Structures are given as C-alpha cells and as structure tokens.
C-alpha cells in the first residue's frame, strides 16, 4: 500500500452515515472513508458487528484490522481459528488466506484495506 495524495485531515466517525450489511446471522454497520487517488484509494472503515454476527462469505481481501471493543472470532480456510479481543489486531494480504468472521458478543473494529 502506497499512501499518496492524502492531505492531513481528521475524521469524526460519528458524522459518517453507516451502511448496513446483513450477515448469515446479525448485521454489520460500516462507516467508510476513502483516501488517495481513485484507482489506488485506501478504504478505511469503522465497523460494528451486532451480537451474534456471522459473516455470509469467505473474504479474500487484505486488511489491517484492529479490534476496539468486543471479540472477533476469525476462521481461516485451512481451519485455523483466531480470537481477537479489544486492543488486538491482525493483518493479511490480498488473496493470501481466505477468512470468515463472527462476533458472538458483538465487536467494534477499525479496518484499513
């Protein structure tokens, strides 16, 4: 990821309208900003998973993800399982390891991809 053409700025995440995405169970709300040139824009999101959330797909997109609140359980396609608690993060490259998440207790995440 190359960060260019991004002037200094601040984001009040509470002022960004959320988009809602249904999971297999529960829902996710995304507050999204994009930075940099359109063809290489960096997507930055504040994501909240409702208690009981289960993703409805295997994701192959790369992310840097920080768990701010709650817990996130992530399963990799090879069967490994990871648990993130508040203050923990993970990183994965595009196309590297398909992953799927759930948040039995709910979670709030900060994601860059």
C-alpha atoms as a PDB file:
ATOM      1  CA  UNK A   1       0.000   0.000   0.000  1.00  0.00           C
ATOM      2  CA  UNK A   2       1.400   3.345  -1.009  1.00  0.00           C
ATOM      3  CA  UNK A   3      -0.166   6.358   0.665  1.00  0.00           C
ATOM      4  CA  UNK A   4      -0.007   9.406  -1.592  1.00  0.00           C
ATOM      5  CA  UNK A   5      -2.058  12.499  -2.342  1.00  0.00           C
ATOM      6  CA  UNK A   6      -3.702  12.442   1.082  1.00  0.00           C
ATOM      7  CA  UNK A   7      -3.695  15.819   2.830  1.00  0.00           C
ATOM      8  CA  UNK A   8      -3.750  15.954   6.612  1.00  0.00           C
ATOM      9  CA  UNK A   9      -7.274  15.632   7.917  1.00  0.00           C
ATOM     10  CA  UNK A  10      -9.398  14.343  10.760  1.00  0.00           C
ATOM     11  CA  UNK A  11     -12.487  12.138  10.754  1.00  0.00           C
ATOM     12  CA  UNK A  12     -15.403  12.333  13.151  1.00  0.00           C
ATOM     13  CA  UNK A  13     -16.653   8.780  12.638  1.00  0.00           C
ATOM     14  CA  UNK A  14     -19.993   9.579  14.267  1.00  0.00           C
ATOM     15  CA  UNK A  15     -20.729  12.001  11.392  1.00  0.00           C
ATOM     16  CA  UNK A  16     -20.333   9.310   8.696  1.00  0.00           C
ATOM     17  CA  UNK A  17     -23.642   7.659   7.752  1.00  0.00           C
ATOM     18  CA  UNK A  18     -23.466   3.905   8.292  1.00  0.00           C
ATOM     19  CA  UNK A  19     -24.156   1.343   5.587  1.00  0.00           C
ATOM     20  CA  UNK A  20     -25.763  -1.862   6.821  1.00  0.00           C
ATOM     21  CA  UNK A  21     -24.762  -5.315   5.602  1.00  0.00           C
ATOM     22  CA  UNK A  22     -26.652  -8.433   6.618  1.00  0.00           C
ATOM     23  CA  UNK A  23     -24.601 -11.404   7.691  1.00  0.00           C
ATOM     24  CA  UNK A  24     -25.608 -15.032   7.710  1.00  0.00           C
ATOM     25  CA  UNK A  25     -26.741 -14.010  11.187  1.00  0.00           C
ATOM     26  CA  UNK A  26     -26.814 -10.484  12.600  1.00  0.00           C
ATOM     27  CA  UNK A  27     -25.584  -7.417  10.756  1.00  0.00           C
ATOM     28  CA  UNK A  28     -22.571  -5.208  10.237  1.00  0.00           C
ATOM     29  CA  UNK A  29     -22.619  -1.432  10.056  1.00  0.00           C
ATOM     30  CA  UNK A  30     -19.803   0.237   8.134  1.00  0.00           C
ATOM     31  CA  UNK A  31     -18.782   3.889   8.324  1.00  0.00           C
ATOM     32  CA  UNK A  32     -16.405   4.243   5.373  1.00  0.00           C
ATOM     33  CA  UNK A  33     -13.939   6.813   4.056  1.00  0.00           C
ATOM     34  CA  UNK A  34     -11.657   6.517   1.020  1.00  0.00           C
ATOM     35  CA  UNK A  35      -8.352   8.338   0.733  1.00  0.00           C
ATOM     36  CA  UNK A  36      -5.936   8.944  -2.122  1.00  0.00           C
ATOM     37  CA  UNK A  37      -6.257   8.660  -5.903  1.00  0.00           C
ATOM     38  CA  UNK A  38      -9.405   6.820  -7.028  1.00  0.00           C
ATOM     39  CA  UNK A  39      -7.505   3.995  -8.767  1.00  0.00           C
ATOM     40  CA  UNK A  40      -5.471   3.261  -5.612  1.00  0.00           C
ATOM     41  CA  UNK A  41      -7.821   4.535  -2.912  1.00  0.00           C
ATOM     42  CA  UNK A  42      -7.277   3.276   0.607  1.00  0.00           C
ATOM     43  CA  UNK A  43     -10.534   2.278   2.264  1.00  0.00           C
ATOM     44  CA  UNK A  44     -10.758   2.999   5.996  1.00  0.00           C
ATOM     45  CA  UNK A  45     -13.755   1.746   7.970  1.00  0.00           C
ATOM     46  CA  UNK A  46     -15.227   1.792  11.432  1.00  0.00           C
ATOM     47  CA  UNK A  47     -17.227  -1.446  11.549  1.00  0.00           C
ATOM     48  CA  UNK A  48     -19.652  -2.658  14.212  1.00  0.00           C
ATOM     49  CA  UNK A  49     -20.873  -6.254  14.314  1.00  0.00           C
ATOM     50  CA  UNK A  50     -24.081  -6.938  16.202  1.00  0.00           C
ATOM     51  CA  UNK A  51     -24.000  -9.643  18.897  1.00  0.00           C
ATOM     52  CA  UNK A  52     -24.342 -12.998  17.153  1.00  0.00           C
ATOM     53  CA  UNK A  53     -22.951 -11.722  13.840  1.00  0.00           C
ATOM     54  CA  UNK A  54     -21.748 -14.417  11.410  1.00  0.00           C
ATOM     55  CA  UNK A  55     -20.253 -13.450   8.048  1.00  0.00           C
ATOM     56  CA  UNK A  56     -22.093 -14.688   4.983  1.00  0.00           C
ATOM     57  CA  UNK A  57     -18.950 -15.150   2.842  1.00  0.00           C
ATOM     58  CA  UNK A  58     -15.268 -16.060   2.769  1.00  0.00           C
ATOM     59  CA  UNK A  59     -13.258 -12.872   2.336  1.00  0.00           C
ATOM     60  CA  UNK A  60     -10.077 -12.797   0.241  1.00  0.00           C
ATOM     61  CA  UNK A  61      -9.419  -9.059   0.588  1.00  0.00           C
ATOM     62  CA  UNK A  62      -6.337  -7.989   2.506  1.00  0.00           C
ATOM     63  CA  UNK A  63      -6.847  -5.945   5.663  1.00  0.00           C
ATOM     64  CA  UNK A  64      -5.189  -4.465   8.674  1.00  0.00           C
ATOM     65  CA  UNK A  65      -7.819  -4.816  11.382  1.00  0.00           C
ATOM     66  CA  UNK A  66      -7.811  -3.532  14.971  1.00  0.00           C
ATOM     67  CA  UNK A  67     -10.430  -4.768  17.447  1.00  0.00           C
ATOM     68  CA  UNK A  68     -11.546  -1.775  19.520  1.00  0.00           C
ATOM     69  CA  UNK A  69     -14.329  -3.415  21.550  1.00  0.00           C
ATOM     70  CA  UNK A  70     -15.790  -6.875  21.997  1.00  0.00           C
ATOM     71  CA  UNK A  71     -14.328 -10.026  20.481  1.00  0.00           C
ATOM     72  CA  UNK A  72     -13.869 -11.209  16.901  1.00  0.00           C
ATOM     73  CA  UNK A  73     -13.521 -14.892  16.052  1.00  0.00           C
ATOM     74  CA  UNK A  74     -11.934 -15.452  12.630  1.00  0.00           C
ATOM     75  CA  UNK A  75     -11.692 -18.795  10.866  1.00  0.00           C
ATOM     76  CA  UNK A  76      -9.187 -19.286   8.038  1.00  0.00           C
ATOM     77  CA  UNK A  77      -9.984 -21.554   5.083  1.00  0.00           C
ATOM     78  CA  UNK A  78      -7.356 -24.040   6.317  1.00  0.00           C
ATOM     79  CA  UNK A  79      -9.327 -24.470   9.557  1.00  0.00           C
ATOM     80  CA  UNK A  80      -7.223 -22.334  11.899  1.00  0.00           C
ATOM     81  CA  UNK A  81      -9.186 -20.115  14.261  1.00  0.00           C
ATOM     82  CA  UNK A  82      -8.068 -16.801  15.750  1.00  0.00           C
ATOM     83  CA  UNK A  83      -9.630 -14.805  18.571  1.00  0.00           C
ATOM     84  CA  UNK A  84      -9.128 -11.045  18.773  1.00  0.00           C
ATOM     85  CA  UNK A  85     -10.015  -9.120  21.898  1.00  0.00           C
ATOM     86  CA  UNK A  86     -10.019  -5.347  22.306  1.00  0.00           C
ATOM     87  CA  UNK A  87      -6.539  -3.990  21.633  1.00  0.00           C
ATOM     88  CA  UNK A  88      -5.516  -6.883  19.346  1.00  0.00           C
ATOM     89  CA  UNK A  89      -5.092  -6.720  15.557  1.00  0.00           C
ATOM     90  CA  UNK A  90      -4.469  -8.899  12.542  1.00  0.00           C
ATOM     91  CA  UNK A  91      -3.111  -8.312   9.079  1.00  0.00           C
ATOM     92  CA  UNK A  92      -3.466 -10.382   5.904  1.00  0.00           C
ATOM     93  CA  UNK A  93      -2.575  -9.703   2.272  1.00  0.00           C
ATOM     94  CA  UNK A  94      -4.973  -9.669  -0.680  1.00  0.00           C
ATOM     95  CA  UNK A  95      -5.652 -13.242  -1.806  1.00  0.00           C
ATOM     96  CA  UNK A  96      -3.358 -14.716   0.850  1.00  0.00           C
ATOM     97  CA  UNK A  97      -5.702 -16.601   3.181  1.00  0.00           C
ATOM     98  CA  UNK A  98      -9.485 -16.631   2.855  1.00  0.00           C
ATOM     99  CA  UNK A  99     -11.095 -15.795   6.184  1.00  0.00           C
ATOM    100  CA  UNK A 100     -14.554 -15.596   7.703  1.00  0.00           C
ATOM    101  CA  UNK A 101     -15.519 -13.886  10.952  1.00  0.00           C
ATOM    102  CA  UNK A 102     -18.144 -13.988  13.659  1.00  0.00           C
ATOM    103  CA  UNK A 103     -18.772 -11.891  16.749  1.00  0.00           C
ATOM    104  CA  UNK A 104     -20.869 -13.814  19.306  1.00  0.00           C
ATOM    105  CA  UNK A 105     -20.754 -10.872  21.754  1.00  0.00           C
ATOM    106  CA  UNK A 106     -20.544  -8.127  19.114  1.00  0.00           C
ATOM    107  CA  UNK A 107     -17.452  -6.155  18.160  1.00  0.00           C
ATOM    108  CA  UNK A 108     -16.269  -2.733  17.014  1.00  0.00           C
ATOM    109  CA  UNK A 109     -13.360  -2.722  14.558  1.00  0.00           C
ATOM    110  CA  UNK A 110     -11.121  -0.246  12.739  1.00  0.00           C
ATOM    111  CA  UNK A 111     -10.139  -1.636   9.316  1.00  0.00           C
ATOM    112  CA  UNK A 112      -7.753  -0.381   6.624  1.00  0.00           C
ATOM    113  CA  UNK A 113      -7.765  -2.050   3.203  1.00  0.00           C
END
